C-alpha cells in the first residue's frame, strides 16, 4: 500500500479530478490549504500573498499509486506552469480500519 499526496493550485482542481478519474481513484480526501512559496503577487502588507491551494491524499495499492505518479509526471494541462501539480508517494507500513457490526 502507498499513500499518495498531491499538492496543486485550486485553479487546477478540474485537471486533478480528471487525473483521478482516468486512474479510477474513487476514494480520496481533499483539503484546502494555504500555499506559500516564491511569487510576484505582493499584497498590501508588502509580502507575497499565499496561494489558494489544495491537497489530495489517497491510500492506494502499489500499482495504482505508480500509475497515478506517472500520470501526474506527464500532465501538462495546469493553469500556471510555474506551479505544477506535485505528487509524493510514501510507503504505508500498516493499514487498518474499523469493522462495523451488521455490515454486509
N, C-alpha and C. Protein backbone atom coordinates (compact mmCIF):
# COMPACT_ATOMS: atom_id res chain seq x y z
N UNK A 1 0.84 -1.18 0.00
CA UNK A 1 0.00 0.00 0.00
C UNK A 1 0.89 1.24 0.00
N UNK A 2 0.36 2.29 -0.61
CA UNK A 2 1.07 3.56 -0.69
C UNK A 2 0.12 4.69 -0.31
N UNK A 3 0.68 5.74 0.24
CA UNK A 3 -0.04 6.99 0.45
C UNK A 3 0.46 7.94 -0.62
N UNK A 4 -0.45 8.44 -1.44
CA UNK A 4 -0.08 9.43 -2.45
C UNK A 4 -0.71 10.75 -2.04
N UNK A 5 0.12 11.78 -2.06
CA UNK A 5 -0.26 13.12 -1.62
C UNK A 5 -0.02 14.06 -2.80
N UNK A 6 -1.07 14.74 -3.27
CA UNK A 6 -0.96 15.68 -4.38
C UNK A 6 -1.13 17.10 -3.85
N UNK A 7 -0.30 18.02 -4.29
CA UNK A 7 -0.40 19.44 -3.95
C UNK A 7 -0.56 20.21 -5.26
N UNK A 8 -1.52 21.15 -5.28
CA UNK A 8 -1.77 21.87 -6.52
C UNK A 8 -2.54 23.15 -6.23
N UNK A 9 -2.52 24.08 -7.19
CA UNK A 9 -3.32 25.30 -7.07
C UNK A 9 -4.79 24.96 -7.22
N UNK A 10 -5.64 25.67 -6.49
CA UNK A 10 -7.08 25.42 -6.55
C UNK A 10 -7.61 25.53 -7.98
N UNK A 11 -6.99 26.38 -8.80
CA UNK A 11 -7.43 26.53 -10.20
C UNK A 11 -7.24 25.26 -11.01
N UNK A 12 -6.43 24.33 -10.52
CA UNK A 12 -6.17 23.08 -11.25
C UNK A 12 -7.02 21.91 -10.75
N UNK A 13 -8.06 22.21 -9.99
CA UNK A 13 -8.91 21.14 -9.44
C UNK A 13 -9.52 20.27 -10.54
N UNK A 14 -9.98 20.88 -11.63
CA UNK A 14 -10.56 20.08 -12.74
C UNK A 14 -9.53 19.12 -13.32
N UNK A 15 -8.30 19.59 -13.48
CA UNK A 15 -7.23 18.76 -14.01
C UNK A 15 -6.97 17.58 -13.08
N UNK A 16 -6.90 17.84 -11.78
CA UNK A 16 -6.66 16.77 -10.81
C UNK A 16 -7.84 15.80 -10.79
N UNK A 17 -9.06 16.32 -10.86
CA UNK A 17 -10.23 15.44 -10.91
C UNK A 17 -10.17 14.52 -12.13
N UNK A 18 -9.71 15.07 -13.25
CA UNK A 18 -9.58 14.26 -14.46
C UNK A 18 -8.52 13.18 -14.26
N UNK A 19 -7.38 13.54 -13.67
CA UNK A 19 -6.33 12.54 -13.42
C UNK A 19 -6.85 11.43 -12.51
N UNK A 20 -7.54 11.79 -11.44
CA UNK A 20 -8.08 10.79 -10.52
C UNK A 20 -9.10 9.90 -11.23
N UNK A 21 -9.95 10.50 -12.05
CA UNK A 21 -10.95 9.72 -12.78
C UNK A 21 -10.32 8.77 -13.78
N UNK A 22 -9.33 9.25 -14.52
CA UNK A 22 -8.65 8.40 -15.51
C UNK A 22 -7.95 7.22 -14.84
N UNK A 23 -7.48 7.42 -13.62
CA UNK A 23 -6.80 6.34 -12.89
C UNK A 23 -7.78 5.52 -12.05
N UNK A 24 -9.06 5.83 -12.16
CA UNK A 24 -10.15 5.14 -11.45
C UNK A 24 -9.93 5.15 -9.93
N UNK A 25 -9.52 6.31 -9.43
CA UNK A 25 -9.34 6.50 -8.00
C UNK A 25 -10.60 7.20 -7.49
N UNK A 26 -11.40 6.48 -6.72
CA UNK A 26 -12.69 6.99 -6.28
C UNK A 26 -12.72 7.32 -4.79
N UNK A 27 -11.75 6.86 -4.02
CA UNK A 27 -11.71 7.14 -2.59
C UNK A 27 -10.47 7.96 -2.28
N UNK A 28 -10.67 9.19 -1.84
CA UNK A 28 -9.57 10.07 -1.51
C UNK A 28 -10.10 11.18 -0.60
N UNK A 29 -9.19 11.92 -0.01
CA UNK A 29 -9.56 13.08 0.81
C UNK A 29 -8.96 14.33 0.17
N UNK A 30 -9.73 15.42 0.22
CA UNK A 30 -9.26 16.69 -0.35
C UNK A 30 -9.40 17.77 0.72
N UNK A 31 -8.39 18.61 0.82
CA UNK A 31 -8.39 19.71 1.78
C UNK A 31 -7.91 20.99 1.13
N UNK A 32 -8.53 22.13 1.47
CA UNK A 32 -7.98 23.41 1.03
C UNK A 32 -6.81 23.76 1.95
N UNK A 33 -5.75 24.30 1.39
CA UNK A 33 -4.59 24.71 2.18
C UNK A 33 -4.11 26.07 1.70
N UNK A 34 -3.33 26.71 2.54
CA UNK A 34 -2.71 27.97 2.18
C UNK A 34 -1.29 27.68 1.74
N UNK A 35 -1.02 27.85 0.45
CA UNK A 35 0.30 27.55 -0.09
C UNK A 35 1.22 28.75 -0.01
N UNK A 36 2.47 28.49 0.30
CA UNK A 36 3.47 29.56 0.36
C UNK A 36 4.66 29.19 -0.50
N UNK A 37 5.23 30.18 -1.14
CA UNK A 37 6.40 29.97 -1.98
C UNK A 37 6.72 31.23 -2.73
N UNK A 38 7.74 31.19 -3.57
CA UNK A 38 8.11 32.38 -4.33
C UNK A 38 6.98 32.81 -5.25
N UNK A 39 6.85 34.08 -5.45
CA UNK A 39 5.82 34.60 -6.34
C UNK A 39 5.99 36.09 -6.53
N UNK A 40 5.07 36.69 -7.26
CA UNK A 40 5.17 38.13 -7.54
C UNK A 40 3.92 38.89 -7.13
N UNK A 41 2.93 38.23 -6.58
CA UNK A 41 1.68 38.90 -6.20
C UNK A 41 1.81 39.48 -4.80
N UNK A 42 2.44 40.65 -4.71
CA UNK A 42 2.65 41.30 -3.41
C UNK A 42 1.36 41.98 -2.99
N UNK A 43 0.94 41.74 -1.77
CA UNK A 43 -0.29 42.32 -1.24
C UNK A 43 -0.03 43.63 -0.51
N UNK A 44 -1.05 44.14 0.12
CA UNK A 44 -0.95 45.43 0.79
C UNK A 44 0.03 45.39 1.96
N UNK A 45 0.35 44.21 2.47
CA UNK A 45 1.31 44.10 3.58
C UNK A 45 2.74 44.15 3.09
N UNK A 46 2.94 44.13 1.78
CA UNK A 46 4.29 44.11 1.23
C UNK A 46 4.88 42.72 1.17
N UNK A 47 4.10 41.71 1.50
CA UNK A 47 4.56 40.33 1.47
C UNK A 47 3.90 39.58 0.32
N UNK A 48 4.53 38.47 -0.07
CA UNK A 48 3.94 37.62 -1.11
C UNK A 48 2.66 37.00 -0.54
N UNK A 49 1.61 37.15 -1.27
CA UNK A 49 0.33 36.61 -0.82
C UNK A 49 0.33 35.09 -0.97
N UNK A 50 -0.29 34.38 -0.03
CA UNK A 50 -0.35 32.92 -0.13
C UNK A 50 -1.20 32.49 -1.32
N UNK A 51 -0.92 31.29 -1.80
CA UNK A 51 -1.66 30.73 -2.92
C UNK A 51 -2.85 29.93 -2.40
N UNK A 52 -3.97 30.00 -3.14
CA UNK A 52 -5.11 29.13 -2.83
C UNK A 52 -4.77 27.76 -3.38
N UNK A 53 -4.47 26.85 -2.51
CA UNK A 53 -4.01 25.52 -2.92
C UNK A 53 -4.95 24.44 -2.39
N UNK A 54 -4.74 23.25 -2.87
CA UNK A 54 -5.50 22.07 -2.45
C UNK A 54 -4.51 20.93 -2.25
N UNK A 55 -4.89 19.98 -1.43
CA UNK A 55 -4.15 18.72 -1.34
C UNK A 55 -5.15 17.58 -1.45
N UNK A 56 -4.72 16.52 -2.07
CA UNK A 56 -5.48 15.28 -2.14
C UNK A 56 -4.60 14.19 -1.56
N UNK A 57 -5.20 13.36 -0.73
CA UNK A 57 -4.50 12.22 -0.16
C UNK A 57 -5.29 10.96 -0.47
N UNK A 58 -4.59 9.91 -0.87
CA UNK A 58 -5.25 8.64 -1.17
C UNK A 58 -4.33 7.49 -0.74
N UNK A 59 -4.92 6.48 -0.13
CA UNK A 59 -4.20 5.25 0.18
C UNK A 59 -4.55 4.27 -0.93
N UNK A 60 -3.51 3.81 -1.63
CA UNK A 60 -3.73 3.04 -2.86
C UNK A 60 -2.86 1.79 -2.88
N UNK A 61 -3.31 0.78 -3.64
CA UNK A 61 -2.42 -0.35 -3.92
C UNK A 61 -1.21 0.15 -4.71
N UNK A 62 -0.10 -0.56 -4.60
CA UNK A 62 1.15 -0.14 -5.24
C UNK A 62 0.97 0.20 -6.72
N UNK A 63 0.26 -0.64 -7.46
CA UNK A 63 0.11 -0.44 -8.91
C UNK A 63 -0.63 0.85 -9.22
N UNK A 64 -1.72 1.13 -8.46
CA UNK A 64 -2.49 2.36 -8.71
C UNK A 64 -1.67 3.59 -8.33
N UNK A 65 -0.89 3.48 -7.26
CA UNK A 65 -0.05 4.60 -6.85
C UNK A 65 0.98 4.91 -7.93
N UNK A 66 1.61 3.88 -8.47
CA UNK A 66 2.60 4.07 -9.54
C UNK A 66 1.96 4.71 -10.75
N UNK A 67 0.78 4.23 -11.14
CA UNK A 67 0.08 4.79 -12.30
C UNK A 67 -0.28 6.25 -12.08
N UNK A 68 -0.73 6.61 -10.86
CA UNK A 68 -1.07 7.99 -10.58
C UNK A 68 0.17 8.87 -10.61
N UNK A 69 1.27 8.41 -10.06
CA UNK A 69 2.51 9.19 -10.09
C UNK A 69 2.96 9.43 -11.53
N UNK A 70 2.85 8.42 -12.38
CA UNK A 70 3.21 8.58 -13.80
C UNK A 70 2.27 9.55 -14.50
N UNK A 71 0.97 9.49 -14.18
CA UNK A 71 0.01 10.40 -14.79
C UNK A 71 0.31 11.85 -14.39
N UNK A 72 0.65 12.07 -13.14
CA UNK A 72 0.99 13.43 -12.70
C UNK A 72 2.25 13.91 -13.42
N UNK A 73 3.25 13.05 -13.53
CA UNK A 73 4.51 13.42 -14.18
C UNK A 73 4.31 13.81 -15.65
N UNK A 74 3.31 13.24 -16.30
CA UNK A 74 3.11 13.53 -17.72
C UNK A 74 2.04 14.60 -17.95
N UNK A 75 1.46 15.14 -16.90
CA UNK A 75 0.40 16.14 -17.04
C UNK A 75 0.99 17.47 -17.48
N UNK A 76 0.37 18.08 -18.49
CA UNK A 76 0.82 19.39 -18.98
C UNK A 76 -0.32 20.40 -19.02
N UNK A 77 -1.45 20.07 -18.41
CA UNK A 77 -2.64 20.91 -18.55
C UNK A 77 -2.89 21.83 -17.35
N UNK A 78 -1.86 22.21 -16.61
CA UNK A 78 -2.07 23.07 -15.46
C UNK A 78 -2.29 24.52 -15.89
N UNK A 79 -3.01 25.27 -15.06
CA UNK A 79 -3.31 26.67 -15.38
C UNK A 79 -2.06 27.54 -15.40
N UNK A 80 -1.14 27.29 -14.47
CA UNK A 80 0.08 28.10 -14.37
C UNK A 80 1.28 27.17 -14.31
N UNK A 81 2.04 27.06 -15.40
CA UNK A 81 3.18 26.14 -15.44
C UNK A 81 4.24 26.40 -14.38
N UNK A 82 4.22 27.61 -13.78
CA UNK A 82 5.17 27.89 -12.69
C UNK A 82 4.77 27.18 -11.40
N UNK A 83 3.55 26.63 -11.38
CA UNK A 83 3.04 25.95 -10.20
C UNK A 83 2.47 24.59 -10.63
N UNK A 84 3.34 23.63 -10.89
CA UNK A 84 2.87 22.32 -11.36
C UNK A 84 2.18 21.55 -10.23
N UNK A 85 1.45 20.54 -10.63
CA UNK A 85 0.91 19.59 -9.65
C UNK A 85 2.11 18.82 -9.11
N UNK A 86 2.20 18.73 -7.81
CA UNK A 86 3.30 17.99 -7.19
C UNK A 86 2.73 16.76 -6.52
N UNK A 87 3.45 15.65 -6.61
CA UNK A 87 2.98 14.40 -6.02
C UNK A 87 4.08 13.77 -5.19
N UNK A 88 3.69 13.20 -4.07
CA UNK A 88 4.60 12.50 -3.18
C UNK A 88 4.00 11.13 -2.91
N UNK A 89 4.83 10.12 -2.97
CA UNK A 89 4.39 8.75 -2.69
C UNK A 89 5.16 8.22 -1.48
N UNK A 90 4.44 7.72 -0.49
CA UNK A 90 5.05 7.18 0.72
C UNK A 90 4.58 5.75 0.93
N UNK A 91 5.46 4.92 1.42
CA UNK A 91 5.08 3.54 1.75
C UNK A 91 4.24 3.53 3.01
N UNK A 92 3.21 2.71 3.02
CA UNK A 92 2.35 2.55 4.19
C UNK A 92 2.77 1.26 4.87
N UNK A 93 3.26 1.39 6.09
CA UNK A 93 3.74 0.23 6.81
C UNK A 93 2.59 -0.63 7.31
N UNK A 94 1.56 0.01 7.85
CA UNK A 94 0.39 -0.71 8.35
C UNK A 94 -0.86 0.04 7.92
N UNK A 95 -1.93 -0.68 7.70
CA UNK A 95 -3.21 -0.07 7.34
C UNK A 95 -4.29 -0.84 8.06
N UNK A 96 -5.23 -0.13 8.66
CA UNK A 96 -6.31 -0.77 9.39
C UNK A 96 -7.55 0.11 9.29
N UNK A 97 -8.70 -0.49 9.44
CA UNK A 97 -9.93 0.30 9.53
C UNK A 97 -10.88 -0.43 10.48
N UNK A 98 -11.84 0.30 11.02
CA UNK A 98 -12.75 -0.31 11.98
C UNK A 98 -13.73 -1.23 11.24
N UNK A 99 -14.20 -2.22 11.95
CA UNK A 99 -15.19 -3.15 11.42
C UNK A 99 -16.52 -2.84 12.10
N UNK A 100 -17.51 -2.45 11.35
CA UNK A 100 -18.80 -2.10 11.91
C UNK A 100 -19.69 -3.33 11.95
N UNK A 101 -20.46 -3.44 13.04
CA UNK A 101 -21.40 -4.55 13.15
C UNK A 101 -22.49 -4.41 12.12
N UNK A 102 -23.07 -5.52 11.71
CA UNK A 102 -24.16 -5.56 10.75
C UNK A 102 -23.75 -5.04 9.37
N UNK A 103 -22.49 -5.05 9.10
CA UNK A 103 -22.02 -4.61 7.79
C UNK A 103 -22.03 -5.83 6.86
N UNK A 104 -22.60 -5.70 5.65
CA UNK A 104 -22.65 -6.86 4.75
C UNK A 104 -21.29 -7.35 4.35
